[in-house]
C-alpha atoms as a PDB file:
ATOM      1  CA  MET A   1    -111.120  79.346-212.606  1.00  0.00           C
ATOM      2  CA  TRP A   2    -109.935  78.945-216.247  1.00  0.00           C
ATOM      3  CA  LEU A   3    -112.411  76.499-218.132  1.00  0.00           C
ATOM      4  CA  PRO A   4    -111.091  74.967-221.364  1.00  0.00           C
ATOM      5  CA  ILE A   5    -113.903  75.408-224.262  1.00  0.00           C
ATOM      6  CA  PRO A   6    -113.806  74.260-227.828  1.00  0.00           C
ATOM      7  CA  ALA A   7    -113.304  77.230-229.988  1.00  0.00           C
ATOM      8  CA  THR A   8    -116.499  76.080-231.680  1.00  0.00           C
ATOM      9  CA  GLU A   9    -118.534  76.800-228.931  1.00  0.00           C
ATOM     10  CA  ILE A  10    -117.358  80.012-228.397  1.00  0.00           C
ATOM     11  CA  ASP A  11    -119.211  82.854-230.656  1.00  0.00           C
ATOM     12  CA  GLY A  12    -117.424  85.650-232.371  1.00  0.00           C
ATOM     13  CA  LEU A  13    -113.882  84.668-231.035  1.00  0.00           C
ATOM     14  CA  PRO A  14    -110.921  83.413-233.170  1.00  0.00           C
ATOM     15  CA  ASP A  15    -109.717  80.091-232.657  1.00  0.00           C
ATOM     16  CA  ALA A  16    -107.048  81.446-230.650  1.00  0.00           C
ATOM     17  CA  PHE A  17    -109.178  82.087-228.008  1.00  0.00           C
ATOM     18  CA  GLU A  18    -109.872  78.283-226.074  1.00  0.00           C
ATOM     19  CA  TYR A  19    -109.981  79.232-222.492  1.00  0.00           C
ATOM     20  CA  ARG A  20    -112.763  81.790-220.490  1.00  0.00           C
ATOM     21  CA  PHE A  21    -112.450  82.901-216.965  1.00  0.00           C
ATOM     22  CA  TRP A  22    -115.051  82.146-214.781  1.00  0.00           C
ATOM     23  CA  GLU A  23    -115.418  83.453-211.140  1.00  0.00           C
ATOM     24  CA  GLY A  24    -117.986  80.973-209.974  1.00  0.00           C
ATOM     25  CA  GLY A  25    -120.964  83.210-210.917  1.00  0.00           C
ATOM     26  CA  GLU A  26    -122.906  83.829-214.206  1.00  0.00           C
ATOM     27  CA  PHE A  27    -120.958  82.784-217.179  1.00  0.00           C
ATOM     28  CA  PRO A  28    -118.908  85.636-218.482  1.00  0.00           C
ATOM     29  CA  ALA A  29    -119.708  87.640-221.755  1.00  0.00           C
ATOM     30  CA  ASP A  30    -117.109  87.857-224.829  1.00  0.00           C
ATOM     31  CA  PRO A  31    -114.654  90.169-223.488  1.00  0.00           C
END
C-alpha cells in the first residue's frame, strides 16, 4: 500500500518524494 508521509520525515529524499510503498512488513529503506 502507498503511505503518505510528510517529506520532512523522509531523510535524504527531495520534497517530491512524499509517498513510500509498504507491503505490510518491515518499513522499507530509502530506494
